[in-house]
């Protein structure tokens, strides 16, 4: 591995990120989803969020061809759900950890928050894409410690400093 690539990967392993899950429907109406640590707020007015994904990802076809997604923020109690959504794509919606929500989209149960929105833009960047979503509705769940991904493992934050 080139030294610059190794340094890049090691640096981002040390950058803690909140764990989110993005869900949608594929062109055949089947639920798809994936974990995302790249979720970010882009603007408050109008409410815009972004996430990044590889165009080689199993869910890319759905994201490329749909207009709507649901973005879920996960808390510590959702660690098992995060692990389910990181499994093989064919296994992610087996079970009762989700239900049908707005626009027929899959919504994960008992998350700390979810937001449904319309994809405004997909910006290609090398073999990846930045997806911009305008949030239209959502719901807060029960409070929980945030679920973060750091050094290759799911964690919760430590003490306040």
N, C-alpha and C. Protein backbone atom coordinates (compact mmCIF):
# COMPACT_ATOMS: atom_id res chain seq x y z
N UNK A 1 0.85 -1.18 0.00
CA UNK A 1 0.00 0.00 0.00
C UNK A 1 0.90 1.24 0.00
N UNK A 2 0.62 2.19 -0.88
CA UNK A 2 1.43 3.43 -0.88
C UNK A 2 1.35 4.13 0.47
N UNK A 3 2.45 4.78 0.84
CA UNK A 3 2.53 5.41 2.16
C UNK A 3 1.45 6.47 2.36
N UNK A 4 1.14 7.27 1.32
CA UNK A 4 0.12 8.30 1.47
C UNK A 4 -1.27 7.70 1.69
N UNK A 5 -1.58 6.58 1.02
CA UNK A 5 -2.85 5.90 1.21
C UNK A 5 -2.93 5.30 2.62
N UNK A 6 -1.86 4.72 3.08
CA UNK A 6 -1.82 4.16 4.44
C UNK A 6 -2.07 5.26 5.47
N UNK A 7 -1.39 6.40 5.31
CA UNK A 7 -1.57 7.52 6.25
C UNK A 7 -3.01 8.02 6.22
N UNK A 8 -3.59 8.12 5.04
CA UNK A 8 -4.98 8.57 4.89
C UNK A 8 -5.93 7.64 5.64
N UNK A 9 -5.78 6.33 5.41
CA UNK A 9 -6.66 5.36 6.06
C UNK A 9 -6.50 5.38 7.58
N UNK A 10 -5.28 5.47 8.05
CA UNK A 10 -5.03 5.49 9.49
C UNK A 10 -5.60 6.77 10.12
N UNK A 11 -5.45 7.89 9.43
CA UNK A 11 -5.97 9.15 9.97
C UNK A 11 -7.49 9.08 10.12
N UNK A 12 -8.19 8.55 9.11
CA UNK A 12 -9.64 8.49 9.20
C UNK A 12 -10.13 7.41 10.14
N UNK A 13 -9.32 6.41 10.44
CA UNK A 13 -9.69 5.45 11.50
C UNK A 13 -9.76 6.16 12.85
N UNK A 14 -8.96 7.19 13.00
CA UNK A 14 -8.91 7.94 14.27
C UNK A 14 -9.94 9.05 14.35
N UNK A 15 -10.64 9.29 13.27
CA UNK A 15 -11.66 10.33 13.24
C UNK A 15 -13.01 9.69 13.57
N UNK A 16 -13.50 9.94 14.77
CA UNK A 16 -14.78 9.36 15.19
C UNK A 16 -15.91 9.96 14.36
N UNK A 17 -16.87 9.12 13.99
CA UNK A 17 -18.00 9.58 13.19
C UNK A 17 -19.28 8.95 13.71
N UNK A 18 -20.34 9.73 13.69
CA UNK A 18 -21.64 9.20 14.06
C UNK A 18 -22.09 8.15 13.05
N UNK A 19 -22.86 7.19 13.52
CA UNK A 19 -23.33 6.13 12.64
C UNK A 19 -24.77 6.43 12.22
N UNK A 20 -24.98 6.43 10.92
CA UNK A 20 -26.30 6.65 10.34
C UNK A 20 -26.58 5.50 9.38
N UNK A 21 -27.84 5.34 9.05
CA UNK A 21 -28.25 4.37 8.03
C UNK A 21 -29.14 5.11 7.05
N UNK A 22 -28.89 4.89 5.77
CA UNK A 22 -29.72 5.45 4.71
C UNK A 22 -30.50 4.30 4.10
N UNK A 23 -31.82 4.48 3.93
CA UNK A 23 -32.66 3.47 3.31
C UNK A 23 -33.41 4.07 2.13
N UNK A 24 -33.79 3.20 1.21
CA UNK A 24 -34.53 3.61 0.02
C UNK A 24 -35.22 2.38 -0.55
N UNK A 25 -35.87 2.55 -1.69
CA UNK A 25 -36.43 1.42 -2.43
C UNK A 25 -35.70 1.31 -3.75
N UNK A 26 -35.39 0.09 -4.14
CA UNK A 26 -34.73 -0.09 -5.44
C UNK A 26 -35.79 0.04 -6.54
N UNK A 27 -35.40 0.06 -7.81
CA UNK A 27 -36.38 0.23 -8.89
C UNK A 27 -37.48 -0.82 -8.92
N UNK A 28 -37.24 -1.98 -8.29
CA UNK A 28 -38.26 -3.02 -8.23
C UNK A 28 -39.12 -2.93 -6.97
N UNK A 29 -38.90 -1.88 -6.15
CA UNK A 29 -39.70 -1.68 -4.95
C UNK A 29 -39.21 -2.42 -3.72
N UNK A 30 -38.03 -3.02 -3.79
CA UNK A 30 -37.46 -3.74 -2.64
C UNK A 30 -36.66 -2.76 -1.77
N UNK A 31 -36.70 -2.94 -0.43
CA UNK A 31 -35.93 -2.05 0.44
C UNK A 31 -34.42 -2.30 0.31
N UNK A 32 -33.67 -1.21 0.33
CA UNK A 32 -32.22 -1.26 0.36
C UNK A 32 -31.76 -0.29 1.44
N UNK A 33 -30.56 -0.50 1.94
CA UNK A 33 -30.02 0.39 2.94
C UNK A 33 -28.56 0.10 3.19
N UNK A 34 -27.90 1.04 3.84
CA UNK A 34 -26.48 0.89 4.14
C UNK A 34 -26.11 1.81 5.30
N UNK A 35 -25.07 1.43 6.03
CA UNK A 35 -24.56 2.30 7.09
C UNK A 35 -23.72 3.40 6.44
N UNK A 36 -23.77 4.57 7.05
CA UNK A 36 -23.03 5.72 6.54
C UNK A 36 -22.44 6.49 7.71
N UNK A 37 -21.15 6.73 7.64
CA UNK A 37 -20.52 7.59 8.65
C UNK A 37 -20.19 8.96 8.06
N UNK A 38 -20.64 9.20 6.85
CA UNK A 38 -20.35 10.47 6.17
C UNK A 38 -21.50 11.46 6.25
N UNK A 39 -22.53 11.17 7.01
CA UNK A 39 -23.69 12.06 7.10
C UNK A 39 -23.27 13.42 7.64
N UNK A 40 -23.78 14.48 7.00
CA UNK A 40 -23.49 15.83 7.46
C UNK A 40 -24.66 16.75 7.16
N UNK A 41 -24.80 17.77 7.98
CA UNK A 41 -25.76 18.83 7.74
C UNK A 41 -25.14 19.80 6.73
N UNK A 42 -25.87 20.13 5.69
CA UNK A 42 -25.36 21.07 4.69
C UNK A 42 -25.93 22.46 4.90
N UNK A 43 -27.22 22.55 5.24
CA UNK A 43 -27.87 23.85 5.46
C UNK A 43 -29.09 23.65 6.33
N UNK A 44 -29.45 24.70 7.07
CA UNK A 44 -30.66 24.65 7.90
C UNK A 44 -31.88 25.15 7.13
N UNK A 45 -31.66 26.13 6.24
CA UNK A 45 -32.76 26.70 5.46
C UNK A 45 -32.34 26.76 4.01
N UNK A 46 -32.89 25.94 3.13
CA UNK A 46 -33.77 24.83 3.47
C UNK A 46 -32.98 23.72 4.15
N UNK A 47 -33.65 22.80 4.84
CA UNK A 47 -32.92 21.73 5.54
C UNK A 47 -32.31 20.75 4.55
N UNK A 48 -30.97 20.79 4.45
CA UNK A 48 -30.25 19.93 3.52
C UNK A 48 -29.25 19.08 4.28
N UNK A 49 -29.16 17.82 3.90
CA UNK A 49 -28.18 16.89 4.47
C UNK A 49 -27.43 16.25 3.31
N UNK A 50 -26.21 15.77 3.60
CA UNK A 50 -25.44 15.06 2.59
C UNK A 50 -24.92 13.75 3.18
N UNK A 51 -24.68 12.82 2.28
CA UNK A 51 -23.93 11.62 2.63
C UNK A 51 -23.15 11.22 1.38
N UNK A 52 -22.10 10.46 1.61
CA UNK A 52 -21.24 10.00 0.52
C UNK A 52 -21.37 8.50 0.40
N UNK A 53 -21.17 8.02 -0.82
CA UNK A 53 -21.17 6.57 -1.01
C UNK A 53 -20.39 6.20 -2.26
N UNK A 54 -19.89 4.99 -2.28
CA UNK A 54 -19.20 4.47 -3.45
C UNK A 54 -20.24 4.10 -4.51
N UNK A 55 -19.94 4.44 -5.75
CA UNK A 55 -20.86 4.07 -6.83
C UNK A 55 -20.79 2.58 -7.14
N UNK A 56 -19.87 1.88 -6.48
CA UNK A 56 -19.80 0.42 -6.61
C UNK A 56 -20.58 -0.28 -5.50
N UNK A 57 -21.15 0.47 -4.57
CA UNK A 57 -21.89 -0.11 -3.44
C UNK A 57 -23.16 -0.81 -3.94
N UNK A 58 -23.58 -1.82 -3.21
CA UNK A 58 -24.77 -2.59 -3.61
C UNK A 58 -26.02 -1.71 -3.66
N UNK A 59 -26.08 -0.65 -2.87
CA UNK A 59 -27.26 0.22 -2.84
C UNK A 59 -27.18 1.36 -3.85
N UNK A 60 -26.07 1.50 -4.56
CA UNK A 60 -25.93 2.66 -5.45
C UNK A 60 -27.02 2.72 -6.52
N UNK A 61 -27.36 1.59 -7.13
CA UNK A 61 -28.39 1.62 -8.19
C UNK A 61 -29.68 2.23 -7.66
N UNK A 62 -30.08 1.85 -6.46
CA UNK A 62 -31.30 2.40 -5.87
C UNK A 62 -31.15 3.90 -5.64
N UNK A 63 -30.03 4.33 -5.08
CA UNK A 63 -29.83 5.75 -4.80
C UNK A 63 -29.73 6.54 -6.10
N UNK A 64 -29.14 5.95 -7.12
CA UNK A 64 -29.01 6.63 -8.41
C UNK A 64 -30.35 6.79 -9.12
N UNK A 65 -31.30 5.88 -8.84
CA UNK A 65 -32.55 5.88 -9.60
C UNK A 65 -33.78 6.31 -8.81
N UNK A 66 -33.63 6.56 -7.52
CA UNK A 66 -34.79 6.97 -6.72
C UNK A 66 -34.76 8.47 -6.46
N UNK A 67 -35.89 8.99 -6.05
CA UNK A 67 -35.96 10.40 -5.67
C UNK A 67 -35.98 10.59 -4.16
N UNK A 68 -36.25 9.53 -3.40
CA UNK A 68 -36.48 9.67 -1.96
C UNK A 68 -35.66 8.68 -1.15
N UNK A 69 -35.24 9.14 0.04
CA UNK A 69 -34.51 8.30 0.98
C UNK A 69 -34.96 8.63 2.40
N UNK A 70 -34.62 7.75 3.31
CA UNK A 70 -34.78 8.02 4.74
C UNK A 70 -33.39 7.92 5.36
N UNK A 71 -33.04 8.93 6.15
CA UNK A 71 -31.77 8.97 6.86
C UNK A 71 -32.07 8.74 8.33
N UNK A 72 -31.38 7.78 8.94
CA UNK A 72 -31.60 7.41 10.34
C UNK A 72 -30.35 7.71 11.14
N UNK A 73 -30.49 8.31 12.31
CA UNK A 73 -29.39 8.49 13.25
C UNK A 73 -29.51 7.40 14.30
N UNK A 74 -28.41 6.71 14.54
CA UNK A 74 -28.43 5.59 15.48
C UNK A 74 -27.83 5.98 16.82
N UNK A 75 -28.40 5.40 17.88
CA UNK A 75 -27.88 5.56 19.22
C UNK A 75 -27.24 4.26 19.68
N UNK A 76 -26.72 4.26 20.87
CA UNK A 76 -26.03 3.08 21.41
C UNK A 76 -26.94 1.86 21.41
N UNK A 77 -28.24 2.05 21.65
CA UNK A 77 -29.16 0.91 21.67
C UNK A 77 -29.34 0.28 20.30
N UNK A 78 -28.88 0.98 19.24
CA UNK A 78 -29.06 0.50 17.87
C UNK A 78 -27.84 -0.21 17.30
N UNK A 79 -26.91 -0.59 18.16
CA UNK A 79 -25.69 -1.24 17.67
C UNK A 79 -26.01 -2.49 16.85
N UNK A 80 -26.94 -3.30 17.31
CA UNK A 80 -27.30 -4.52 16.56
C UNK A 80 -27.89 -4.16 15.19
N UNK A 81 -28.67 -3.10 15.13
CA UNK A 81 -29.23 -2.66 13.85
C UNK A 81 -28.12 -2.21 12.91
N UNK A 82 -27.14 -1.49 13.44
CA UNK A 82 -26.00 -1.07 12.62
C UNK A 82 -25.28 -2.28 12.04
N UNK A 83 -25.12 -3.31 12.85
CA UNK A 83 -24.45 -4.52 12.38
C UNK A 83 -25.28 -5.23 11.31
N UNK A 84 -26.60 -5.26 11.49
CA UNK A 84 -27.48 -5.86 10.47
C UNK A 84 -27.34 -5.10 9.16
N UNK A 85 -27.32 -3.77 9.22
CA UNK A 85 -27.28 -2.97 8.01
C UNK A 85 -25.90 -2.96 7.35
N UNK A 86 -24.91 -3.51 8.03
CA UNK A 86 -23.57 -3.63 7.44
C UNK A 86 -23.34 -5.03 6.88
N UNK A 87 -24.31 -5.92 7.03
CA UNK A 87 -24.22 -7.30 6.51
C UNK A 87 -24.35 -7.30 4.99
N UNK A 88 -24.36 -8.50 4.44
CA UNK A 88 -24.65 -8.68 3.03
C UNK A 88 -25.99 -8.03 2.71
N UNK A 89 -26.08 -7.37 1.57
CA UNK A 89 -27.29 -6.62 1.19
C UNK A 89 -28.55 -7.47 1.23
N UNK A 90 -28.45 -8.74 0.90
CA UNK A 90 -29.63 -9.61 0.86
C UNK A 90 -30.19 -9.91 2.24
N UNK A 91 -29.44 -9.61 3.31
CA UNK A 91 -29.87 -9.93 4.67
C UNK A 91 -30.32 -8.72 5.48
N UNK A 92 -30.20 -7.53 4.94
CA UNK A 92 -30.41 -6.30 5.72
C UNK A 92 -31.85 -6.05 6.14
N UNK A 93 -32.81 -6.60 5.42
CA UNK A 93 -34.21 -6.35 5.76
C UNK A 93 -34.95 -7.62 6.16
N UNK A 94 -34.20 -8.60 6.62
CA UNK A 94 -34.80 -9.80 7.18
C UNK A 94 -34.97 -9.54 8.67
N UNK A 95 -36.20 -9.59 9.16
CA UNK A 95 -36.44 -9.36 10.58
C UNK A 95 -37.44 -8.24 10.81
N UNK A 96 -37.67 -7.96 12.06
CA UNK A 96 -38.69 -6.97 12.43
C UNK A 96 -38.06 -5.68 12.96
N UNK A 97 -36.88 -5.32 12.50
CA UNK A 97 -36.19 -4.11 12.94
C UNK A 97 -36.56 -2.88 12.10
N UNK A 98 -37.56 -3.03 11.22
CA UNK A 98 -37.97 -1.92 10.36
C UNK A 98 -39.46 -2.03 10.04
N UNK A 99 -40.00 -0.93 9.51
CA UNK A 99 -41.39 -0.90 9.08
C UNK A 99 -41.50 0.02 7.86
N UNK A 100 -42.62 -0.02 7.21
CA UNK A 100 -42.85 0.84 6.05
C UNK A 100 -43.29 2.22 6.55
N UNK A 101 -42.63 3.25 6.04
CA UNK A 101 -42.91 4.63 6.46
C UNK A 101 -43.41 5.47 5.31
N UNK A 102 -43.14 6.79 5.39
CA UNK A 102 -43.62 7.70 4.35
C UNK A 102 -43.17 7.27 2.95
N UNK A 103 -44.06 7.44 1.98
CA UNK A 103 -43.78 7.13 0.58
C UNK A 103 -43.41 5.65 0.38
N UNK A 104 -43.81 4.79 1.34
CA UNK A 104 -43.51 3.37 1.24
C UNK A 104 -42.07 3.01 1.54
N UNK A 105 -41.30 3.97 2.05
CA UNK A 105 -39.88 3.76 2.32
C UNK A 105 -39.65 2.98 3.62
N UNK A 106 -38.56 2.22 3.68
CA UNK A 106 -38.24 1.50 4.91
C UNK A 106 -37.72 2.46 5.99
N UNK A 107 -38.31 2.34 7.18
CA UNK A 107 -37.90 3.14 8.34
C UNK A 107 -37.46 2.16 9.43
N UNK A 108 -36.30 2.39 9.98
CA UNK A 108 -35.79 1.52 11.05
C UNK A 108 -36.49 1.86 12.35
N UNK A 109 -36.77 0.84 13.15
CA UNK A 109 -37.47 1.00 14.42
C UNK A 109 -36.54 1.52 15.51
N UNK A 110 -37.11 2.34 16.39
CA UNK A 110 -36.47 2.75 17.65
C UNK A 110 -35.12 3.43 17.48
N UNK A 111 -34.95 4.21 16.40
CA UNK A 111 -33.72 4.98 16.23
C UNK A 111 -33.85 6.30 16.97
N UNK A 112 -32.75 7.01 17.16
CA UNK A 112 -32.83 8.28 17.89
C UNK A 112 -33.49 9.37 17.06
N UNK A 113 -33.41 9.26 15.74
CA UNK A 113 -34.10 10.19 14.85
C UNK A 113 -34.09 9.62 13.43
N UNK A 114 -35.10 10.00 12.65
CA UNK A 114 -35.08 9.70 11.23
C UNK A 114 -35.65 10.89 10.47
N UNK A 115 -35.18 11.03 9.24
CA UNK A 115 -35.61 12.13 8.38
C UNK A 115 -35.85 11.58 6.98
N UNK A 116 -36.98 11.91 6.41
CA UNK A 116 -37.31 11.51 5.05
C UNK A 116 -37.12 12.71 4.15
N UNK A 117 -36.56 12.47 2.98
CA UNK A 117 -36.34 13.60 2.09
C UNK A 117 -36.22 13.21 0.63
N UNK A 118 -36.09 14.25 -0.16
CA UNK A 118 -35.99 14.11 -1.61
C UNK A 118 -34.56 14.39 -2.04
N UNK A 119 -34.02 13.52 -2.88
CA UNK A 119 -32.66 13.73 -3.39
C UNK A 119 -32.69 14.88 -4.38
N UNK A 120 -31.87 15.88 -4.11
CA UNK A 120 -31.77 17.04 -5.01
C UNK A 120 -30.66 16.88 -6.03
N UNK A 121 -29.57 16.24 -5.60
CA UNK A 121 -28.41 16.17 -6.47
C UNK A 121 -27.51 15.01 -6.08
N UNK A 122 -26.85 14.45 -7.09
CA UNK A 122 -25.82 13.44 -6.90
C UNK A 122 -24.58 13.97 -7.61
N UNK A 123 -23.56 14.25 -6.83
CA UNK A 123 -22.34 14.84 -7.38
C UNK A 123 -21.27 13.75 -7.45
N UNK A 124 -20.85 13.42 -8.66
CA UNK A 124 -19.82 12.39 -8.84
C UNK A 124 -18.45 12.93 -8.44
N UNK A 125 -17.70 12.11 -7.76
CA UNK A 125 -16.33 12.44 -7.36
C UNK A 125 -15.52 11.15 -7.46
N UNK A 126 -14.77 11.03 -8.53
CA UNK A 126 -13.99 9.82 -8.82
C UNK A 126 -14.95 8.64 -8.90
N UNK A 127 -14.79 7.61 -8.08
CA UNK A 127 -15.69 6.45 -8.11
C UNK A 127 -16.78 6.54 -7.04
N UNK A 128 -17.00 7.73 -6.53
CA UNK A 128 -17.94 7.94 -5.43
C UNK A 128 -18.94 9.01 -5.80
N UNK A 129 -19.86 9.27 -4.88
CA UNK A 129 -20.84 10.33 -5.09
C UNK A 129 -21.16 10.98 -3.76
N UNK A 130 -21.41 12.28 -3.82
CA UNK A 130 -21.96 13.03 -2.70
C UNK A 130 -23.44 13.22 -3.03
N UNK A 131 -24.30 12.79 -2.13
CA UNK A 131 -25.74 12.85 -2.35
C UNK A 131 -26.30 13.95 -1.46
N UNK A 132 -27.05 14.87 -2.07
CA UNK A 132 -27.65 15.98 -1.33
C UNK A 132 -29.15 15.74 -1.23
N UNK A 133 -29.66 15.80 0.00
CA UNK A 133 -31.06 15.48 0.29
C UNK A 133 -31.72 16.68 0.95
N UNK A 134 -32.90 17.05 0.46
CA UNK A 134 -33.70 18.06 1.15
C UNK A 134 -34.67 17.33 2.06
N UNK A 135 -34.53 17.58 3.36
CA UNK A 135 -35.36 16.90 4.37
C UNK A 135 -36.76 17.50 4.35
N UNK A 136 -37.76 16.63 4.31
CA UNK A 136 -39.15 17.07 4.25
C UNK A 136 -39.94 16.73 5.51
N UNK A 137 -39.56 15.65 6.19
CA UNK A 137 -40.25 15.27 7.42
C UNK A 137 -39.35 14.36 8.22
N UNK A 138 -39.72 14.12 9.46
CA UNK A 138 -38.92 13.25 10.30
C UNK A 138 -39.54 13.10 11.67
N UNK A 139 -38.81 12.40 12.51
CA UNK A 139 -39.32 12.13 13.86
C UNK A 139 -38.14 11.88 14.79
N UNK A 140 -38.25 12.37 16.00
CA UNK A 140 -37.26 12.07 17.04
C UNK A 140 -37.71 10.85 17.80
N UNK A 141 -36.75 9.99 18.13
CA UNK A 141 -37.02 8.83 18.96
C UNK A 141 -36.58 9.12 20.38
N UNK A 142 -36.50 8.08 21.18
CA UNK A 142 -36.03 8.23 22.56
C UNK A 142 -34.58 8.66 22.56
N UNK A 143 -34.22 9.46 23.57
CA UNK A 143 -32.82 9.88 23.71
C UNK A 143 -31.95 8.67 23.99
N UNK A 144 -30.70 8.77 23.58
CA UNK A 144 -29.74 7.70 23.78
C UNK A 144 -28.35 8.28 23.58
N UNK A 145 -27.35 7.61 24.10
CA UNK A 145 -25.97 8.00 23.82
C UNK A 145 -25.73 7.77 22.33
N UNK A 146 -24.96 8.64 21.69
CA UNK A 146 -24.70 8.44 20.26
C UNK A 146 -23.88 7.18 20.01
N UNK A 147 -24.15 6.56 18.88
CA UNK A 147 -23.33 5.45 18.42
C UNK A 147 -22.31 6.03 17.45
N UNK A 148 -21.04 5.81 17.75
CA UNK A 148 -19.99 6.32 16.87
C UNK A 148 -19.13 5.17 16.36
N UNK A 149 -18.44 5.44 15.28
CA UNK A 149 -17.52 4.46 14.72
C UNK A 149 -16.13 5.06 14.81
N UNK A 150 -15.23 4.34 15.48
CA UNK A 150 -13.88 4.86 15.73
C UNK A 150 -12.92 3.70 15.83
N UNK A 151 -11.79 3.80 15.15
CA UNK A 151 -10.76 2.76 15.18
C UNK A 151 -11.32 1.38 14.83
N UNK A 152 -12.26 1.34 13.85
CA UNK A 152 -12.77 0.08 13.36
C UNK A 152 -13.80 -0.60 14.25
N UNK A 153 -14.36 0.14 15.22
CA UNK A 153 -15.33 -0.47 16.14
C UNK A 153 -16.44 0.53 16.48
N UNK A 154 -17.63 0.00 16.81
CA UNK A 154 -18.71 0.84 17.31
C UNK A 154 -18.42 1.18 18.76
N UNK A 155 -18.67 2.43 19.12
CA UNK A 155 -18.39 2.92 20.48
C UNK A 155 -19.45 3.95 20.89
N UNK A 156 -19.40 4.31 22.16
CA UNK A 156 -20.16 5.46 22.64
C UNK A 156 -19.15 6.45 23.19
N UNK A 157 -19.50 7.74 23.23
CA UNK A 157 -18.54 8.73 23.72
C UNK A 157 -18.19 8.50 25.18
N UNK A 158 -17.01 8.94 25.54
CA UNK A 158 -16.54 8.85 26.93
C UNK A 158 -16.99 10.07 27.71
N UNK A 159 -16.20 10.43 28.68
CA UNK A 159 -16.58 11.54 29.54
C UNK A 159 -16.48 12.88 28.81
N UNK A 160 -17.24 13.85 29.30
CA UNK A 160 -17.21 15.19 28.72
C UNK A 160 -15.92 15.88 29.17
N UNK A 161 -15.23 16.50 28.22
CA UNK A 161 -13.98 17.18 28.54
C UNK A 161 -14.08 18.66 28.28
